[in-house]
Amino acid sequence: MKRALSITATILVLALFVRFAVTFHWRAVGAVLAQAAPAWVAIAILANIGSLAAKAHGWKLLMGKEGPPKSIVAHHATFIGAATGSFAISIGGEAARVRWIVMRSPVRAATALRGLVRSRVTEILMFSALIVGGSAMLPHSVLWRFIELAALVVIGSCIVLWRIGRRATQPTRDNAPNRAFGRALSEARETLRSPNVAHALFFAAVNWVCQWTSFAACAFAVTAHAPVAYALAALVLVNIGGAARITPGNVGVLTAAYVMVARTYAVAPASAVAASIVLQAVQILPIAVIGAIIFAIDQRRTIAIVGEPYSSV
């Protein structure tokens, strides 16, 4: 059922994207892209790489003592996962990330998965903090007020989970949904009680700041008058709308986010589409190259040691 819904949603998004692609004035977008500032594009690339590095380090911290002895393994796995996720839907990138670290370190799959879940908790918490902290810059509409309220609920829930005792988060025995919900609460609480949570939250914050910087730099690359708040609004919409990863590399989601908030911040539609194209290229091409380099070096080292490469990542 879930797979059918994912496929249906993907087809719907692609149909809307094709309709948009056929009716939009692409000559104006091409003219804007031709004048893109390379310096801002370079800043966007570095910020995007920085966000992945911060994400990798937070993941390594939340795996605790059972994690990899060297941070570089978590970094390699994260870049491999990001490169894979650029061409896959759903959790293909995360699966590649876990497979890489399990095959190239003594980390167990359960430990890597638990670290990913805990990373999501810290990332969602800091994402909510970013929304609340930047609420004055976001559009003033019912939708955005609802998003800000949801962010406050997330923050409040995390505070409650951090304060209450273990007994309140034990799974109930009524039915499977209740047990799943109880396990989720328990895992969230354990994350917030983790000895490394402060450092992990710091790296989660760095991750979001770097992403915001990347979004803003792509906007600045194609228009000199794009406000920083415009990039923040696009970042929020992309991460909410792209959470399900229904398209490879969130193709179409980035464009929709930039275009949806363009009018609010007086940004021309052509500039919004151009910024989304630049950002898509920034998030896919350099990471794919880095992932390919990591994979090639790993294969060469493996051949030198055991005489044959790994069959897959």
Protein backbone atom coordinates (compact mmCIF):
# COMPACT_ATOMS: atom_id res chain seq x y z
CA MET A 1 0.00 0.00 0.00
CA LYS A 2 2.77 2.41 0.95
CA ARG A 3 4.68 1.59 -2.24
CA ALA A 4 1.54 2.17 -4.33
CA LEU A 5 0.99 5.56 -2.69
CA SER A 6 4.63 6.50 -3.28
CA ILE A 7 4.41 5.54 -6.96
CA THR A 8 1.12 7.43 -7.36
CA ALA A 9 2.55 10.54 -5.70
CA THR A 10 5.66 10.34 -7.88
CA ILE A 11 3.58 10.11 -11.06
CA LEU A 12 1.43 13.05 -9.94
CA VAL A 13 4.44 15.23 -9.14
CA LEU A 14 6.12 14.34 -12.43
CA ALA A 15 2.89 15.10 -14.34
CA LEU A 16 2.66 18.52 -12.70
CA PHE A 17 6.34 19.12 -13.39
CA VAL A 18 5.92 18.21 -17.08
CA ARG A 19 2.93 20.54 -17.36
CA PHE A 20 4.95 23.32 -15.77
CA ALA A 21 7.91 22.58 -18.05
CA VAL A 22 5.76 22.79 -21.18
CA THR A 23 3.99 26.04 -20.29
CA PHE A 24 6.81 28.02 -18.63
CA HIS A 25 8.87 30.66 -20.47
CA TRP A 26 12.26 28.99 -20.42
CA ARG A 27 14.03 31.63 -22.51
CA ALA A 28 13.82 34.04 -19.60
CA VAL A 29 15.26 31.38 -17.29
CA GLY A 30 18.11 30.74 -19.72
CA ALA A 31 18.92 34.43 -19.80
CA VAL A 32 19.06 34.54 -16.00
CA LEU A 33 21.23 31.41 -15.79
CA ALA A 34 23.66 32.84 -18.34
CA GLN A 35 24.38 35.69 -15.93
CA ALA A 36 24.74 33.52 -12.79
CA ALA A 37 27.59 34.63 -10.53
CA PRO A 38 30.21 31.82 -10.25
CA ALA A 39 31.41 33.06 -6.84
CA TRP A 40 27.98 32.55 -5.29
CA VAL A 41 27.69 29.13 -6.91
CA ALA A 42 31.05 28.17 -5.38
CA ILE A 43 29.84 29.34 -1.95
CA ALA A 44 26.68 27.25 -2.38
CA ILE A 45 28.76 24.16 -3.23
CA LEU A 46 31.00 24.60 -0.17
CA ALA A 47 28.00 25.20 2.10
CA ASN A 48 26.28 22.07 0.80
CA ILE A 49 29.40 19.99 1.41
CA GLY A 50 29.65 21.51 4.89
CA SER A 51 26.07 20.52 5.68
CA LEU A 52 26.78 16.88 4.78
CA ALA A 53 29.99 16.89 6.83
CA ALA A 54 28.09 18.22 9.86
CA LYS A 55 25.37 15.62 9.35
CA ALA A 56 27.98 12.85 9.21
CA HIS A 57 29.69 13.96 12.40
CA GLY A 58 26.40 14.18 14.27
CA TRP A 59 25.55 10.66 13.11
CA LYS A 60 28.89 9.37 14.34
CA LEU A 61 28.40 10.98 17.75
CA LEU A 62 24.91 9.50 18.18
CA MET A 63 26.14 5.99 17.45
CA GLY A 64 28.17 6.33 20.65
CA LYS A 65 30.86 3.85 21.61
CA GLU A 66 29.48 1.28 19.17
CA GLY A 67 30.07 3.66 16.26
CA PRO A 68 33.05 3.66 13.88
CA PRO A 69 36.44 4.28 15.49
CA LYS A 70 37.21 6.94 12.85
CA SER A 71 34.91 9.77 11.80
CA ILE A 72 36.10 9.54 8.18
CA VAL A 73 34.11 6.32 7.69
CA ALA A 74 30.87 8.07 8.69
CA HIS A 75 31.75 10.97 6.39
CA HIS A 76 32.41 8.64 3.45
CA ALA A 77 29.15 6.77 4.09
CA THR A 78 27.20 10.04 4.26
CA PHE A 79 28.57 11.31 0.95
CA ILE A 80 27.97 7.95 -0.70
CA GLY A 81 24.40 8.00 0.65
CA ALA A 82 23.83 11.55 -0.57
CA ALA A 83 25.17 10.69 -4.03
CA THR A 84 22.94 7.62 -4.20
CA GLY A 85 19.93 9.56 -2.91
CA SER A 86 20.31 12.05 -5.76
CA PHE A 87 19.28 9.31 -8.18
CA ALA A 88 16.94 7.26 -5.97
CA ILE A 89 13.56 7.73 -4.32
CA SER A 90 12.39 7.01 -0.79
CA ILE A 91 15.21 5.79 1.52
CA GLY A 92 17.63 4.57 -1.15
CA GLY A 93 20.28 7.02 -0.03
CA GLU A 94 19.99 6.09 3.64
CA ALA A 95 20.16 2.40 2.78
CA ALA A 96 23.41 2.98 0.86
CA ARG A 97 24.73 4.99 3.78
CA VAL A 98 24.10 2.18 6.27
CA ARG A 99 25.42 -0.51 3.92
CA TRP A 100 28.65 1.39 3.34
CA ILE A 101 29.47 1.92 7.03
CA VAL A 102 28.54 -1.67 7.95
CA MET A 103 30.75 -3.18 5.23
CA ARG A 104 33.74 -0.95 5.95
CA SER A 105 33.80 -0.79 9.74
CA PRO A 106 32.91 -2.97 12.75
CA VAL A 107 29.61 -1.06 13.14
CA ARG A 108 26.50 -3.28 13.28
CA ALA A 109 23.52 -2.44 11.09
CA ALA A 110 21.32 -1.95 14.17
CA THR A 111 23.77 0.60 15.56
CA ALA A 112 23.92 2.51 12.28
CA LEU A 113 20.12 2.54 11.98
CA ARG A 114 19.70 3.67 15.57
CA GLY A 115 22.18 6.44 14.91
CA LEU A 116 20.19 7.53 11.86
CA VAL A 117 16.95 7.62 13.84
CA ARG A 118 18.59 9.68 16.58
CA SER A 119 20.10 11.97 13.97
CA ARG A 120 16.61 12.58 12.61
CA VAL A 121 15.43 13.54 16.10
CA THR A 122 18.18 16.15 16.50
CA GLU A 123 17.70 17.43 12.94
CA ILE A 124 13.94 17.80 13.35
CA LEU A 125 14.42 19.58 16.67
CA MET A 126 16.92 22.08 15.23
CA PHE A 127 14.80 22.49 12.09
CA SER A 128 11.87 23.42 14.33
CA ALA A 129 14.11 25.84 16.24
CA LEU A 130 15.15 27.41 12.92
CA ILE A 131 11.49 27.91 11.94
CA VAL A 132 10.57 29.45 15.29
CA GLY A 133 13.69 31.61 15.41
CA GLY A 134 13.15 32.85 11.86
CA SER A 135 9.36 33.23 12.09
CA ALA A 136 9.60 37.02 11.72
CA MET A 137 11.14 36.52 8.26
CA LEU A 138 8.60 33.97 7.03
CA PRO A 139 5.38 34.87 5.18
CA HIS A 140 2.40 35.93 7.29
CA SER A 141 -0.30 33.52 6.21
CA VAL A 142 -2.42 30.78 7.76
CA LEU A 143 -0.24 28.05 6.26
CA TRP A 144 2.96 29.51 7.69
CA ARG A 145 1.37 30.14 11.07
CA PHE A 146 0.36 26.47 11.13
CA ILE A 147 3.96 25.46 10.27
CA GLU A 148 5.30 27.68 13.07
CA LEU A 149 2.75 26.21 15.51
CA ALA A 150 3.80 22.68 14.52
CA ALA A 151 7.44 23.64 15.13
CA LEU A 152 6.56 24.93 18.59
CA VAL A 153 4.73 21.68 19.33
CA VAL A 154 7.82 19.69 18.30
CA ILE A 155 10.08 21.77 20.55
CA GLY A 156 7.65 21.53 23.46
CA SER A 157 7.30 17.77 23.00
CA CYS A 158 11.08 17.34 23.04
CA ILE A 159 11.32 19.35 26.26
CA VAL A 160 8.61 17.20 27.86
CA LEU A 161 10.30 13.98 26.72
CA TRP A 162 13.60 15.19 28.11
CA ARG A 163 12.02 15.99 31.48
CA ILE A 164 9.70 13.06 32.09
CA GLY A 165 10.76 9.69 33.43
CA ARG A 166 11.36 6.48 31.53
CA ARG A 167 8.05 5.02 32.74
CA ALA A 168 6.02 7.54 30.70
CA THR A 169 7.61 6.51 27.43
CA GLN A 170 7.26 2.75 27.71
CA PRO A 171 5.28 1.23 24.78
CA THR A 172 1.75 0.20 25.55
CA ARG A 173 0.46 -3.30 24.85
CA ASP A 174 -2.92 -2.44 23.35
CA ASN A 175 -2.10 -2.75 19.66
CA ALA A 176 0.67 -2.40 17.10
CA PRO A 177 0.19 1.34 16.40
CA ASN A 178 0.41 2.11 20.10
CA ARG A 179 3.52 -0.01 20.45
CA ALA A 180 5.14 1.71 17.47
CA PHE A 181 4.24 5.13 18.88
CA GLY A 182 5.60 4.16 22.27
CA ARG A 183 8.85 2.95 20.75
CA ALA A 184 9.18 6.20 18.83
CA LEU A 185 8.68 8.23 22.01
CA SER A 186 11.16 6.04 23.86
CA GLU A 187 13.78 6.42 21.13
CA ALA A 188 13.27 10.19 21.03
CA ARG A 189 13.70 10.41 24.77
CA GLU A 190 16.82 8.24 24.72
CA THR A 191 18.23 10.52 22.03
CA LEU A 192 17.63 13.62 24.15
CA ARG A 193 19.19 11.86 27.16
CA SER A 194 22.24 10.75 25.19
CA PRO A 195 25.55 12.01 26.62
CA ASN A 196 26.54 13.33 23.19
CA VAL A 197 23.23 15.06 22.42
CA ALA A 198 24.56 18.60 23.00
CA HIS A 199 27.33 18.11 20.46
CA ALA A 200 24.94 16.36 18.08
CA LEU A 201 22.48 19.27 18.33
CA PHE A 202 25.32 21.66 17.57
CA PHE A 203 26.20 19.77 14.39
CA ALA A 204 22.51 19.56 13.46
CA ALA A 205 22.36 23.36 13.78
CA VAL A 206 25.48 23.71 11.63
CA ASN A 207 23.84 21.44 9.05
CA TRP A 208 20.77 23.71 8.80
CA VAL A 209 22.81 26.91 8.73
CA CYS A 210 24.92 25.50 5.91
CA GLN A 211 21.80 24.46 4.01
CA TRP A 212 20.31 27.92 4.47
CA THR A 213 23.56 29.42 3.22
CA SER A 214 23.49 27.15 0.17
CA PHE A 215 19.88 28.11 -0.64
CA ALA A 216 20.65 31.81 -0.21
CA ALA A 217 23.84 31.65 -2.29
CA CYS A 218 21.95 30.02 -5.18
CA ALA A 219 19.35 32.80 -5.00
CA PHE A 220 22.06 35.48 -4.90
CA ALA A 221 23.79 33.83 -7.86
CA VAL A 222 20.86 34.64 -10.18
CA THR A 223 19.41 37.79 -8.63
CA ALA A 224 21.12 40.46 -6.58
CA HIS A 225 17.94 41.48 -4.77
CA ALA A 226 16.88 38.14 -3.28
CA PRO A 227 16.34 38.52 0.48
CA VAL A 228 17.80 36.02 2.92
CA ALA A 229 14.26 35.36 4.18
CA TYR A 230 13.35 34.10 0.71
CA ALA A 231 15.96 31.36 1.00
CA LEU A 232 14.73 30.43 4.48
CA ALA A 233 11.13 30.07 3.29
CA ALA A 234 12.25 27.93 0.35
CA LEU A 235 14.38 25.77 2.67
CA VAL A 236 11.41 25.14 4.97
CA LEU A 237 9.08 24.21 2.12
CA VAL A 238 11.62 21.92 0.46
CA ASN A 239 12.27 19.96 3.64
CA ILE A 240 8.58 19.63 4.46
CA GLY A 241 7.50 18.79 0.92
CA GLY A 242 10.49 16.59 0.18
CA ALA A 243 10.46 14.60 3.42
CA ALA A 244 8.93 11.59 1.65
CA ARG A 245 11.57 11.67 -1.13
CA ILE A 246 9.01 10.83 -3.81
CA THR A 247 11.29 12.00 -6.64
CA PRO A 248 15.02 11.36 -7.18
CA GLY A 249 17.00 14.23 -5.68
CA ASN A 250 13.71 16.02 -4.93
CA VAL A 251 13.47 17.04 -8.57
CA GLY A 252 10.48 19.34 -8.95
CA VAL A 253 10.16 19.93 -5.21
CA LEU A 254 12.96 22.52 -5.22
CA THR A 255 11.41 24.38 -8.14
CA ALA A 256 7.95 24.33 -6.57
CA ALA A 257 9.30 25.69 -3.28
CA TYR A 258 11.20 28.58 -4.87
CA VAL A 259 8.27 29.51 -7.11
CA MET A 260 5.69 29.31 -4.31
CA VAL A 261 7.49 31.89 -2.16
CA ALA A 262 8.80 34.06 -5.01
CA ARG A 263 5.79 36.38 -5.16
CA THR A 264 5.85 37.02 -1.40
CA TYR A 265 9.42 38.30 -1.60
CA ALA A 266 9.02 40.11 -4.95
CA VAL A 267 11.31 37.72 -6.83
CA ALA A 268 10.63 37.20 -10.55
CA PRO A 269 9.38 33.69 -11.47
CA ALA A 270 12.23 33.24 -13.96
CA SER A 271 14.78 34.04 -11.23
CA ALA A 272 13.04 31.60 -8.85
CA VAL A 273 13.19 28.75 -11.37
CA ALA A 274 16.81 29.62 -12.21
CA ALA A 275 17.75 29.54 -8.51
CA SER A 276 16.14 26.12 -8.13
CA ILE A 277 18.06 24.78 -11.14
CA VAL A 278 21.34 26.09 -9.75
CA LEU A 279 20.58 24.56 -6.36
CA GLN A 280 19.65 21.22 -7.95
CA ALA A 281 22.99 21.19 -9.77
CA VAL A 282 24.84 22.18 -6.59
CA GLN A 283 23.23 19.36 -4.60
CA ILE A 284 23.71 16.65 -7.22
CA LEU A 285 26.78 17.16 -9.43
CA PRO A 286 29.57 17.93 -6.88
CA ILE A 287 28.28 15.29 -4.45
CA ALA A 288 28.07 12.69 -7.23
CA VAL A 289 31.69 13.46 -8.16
CA ILE A 290 32.83 13.23 -4.51
CA GLY A 291 30.91 9.98 -4.08
CA ALA A 292 32.51 8.54 -7.22
CA ILE A 293 35.98 9.52 -5.99
CA ILE A 294 35.37 7.95 -2.56
CA PHE A 295 34.09 4.76 -4.20
CA ALA A 296 37.04 4.58 -6.64
CA ILE A 297 39.62 5.07 -3.88
CA ASP A 298 37.88 2.47 -1.71
CA GLN A 299 37.82 -0.05 -4.57
CA ARG A 300 41.49 0.53 -5.32
CA ARG A 301 42.41 0.02 -1.65
CA THR A 302 40.27 -3.12 -1.47
CA ILE A 303 41.87 -4.62 -4.58
CA ALA A 304 45.32 -3.90 -3.13
CA ILE A 305 44.39 -5.71 0.10
CA VAL A 306 42.21 -8.67 -0.90
CA GLY A 307 42.74 -8.84 -4.66
CA GLU A 308 39.12 -8.15 -5.70
CA PRO A 309 36.67 -5.24 -5.36
CA TYR A 310 33.42 -5.16 -3.44
CA SER A 311 30.53 -6.14 -5.68
CA SER A 312 28.41 -3.17 -4.55
CA VAL A 313 28.25 -0.28 -2.11
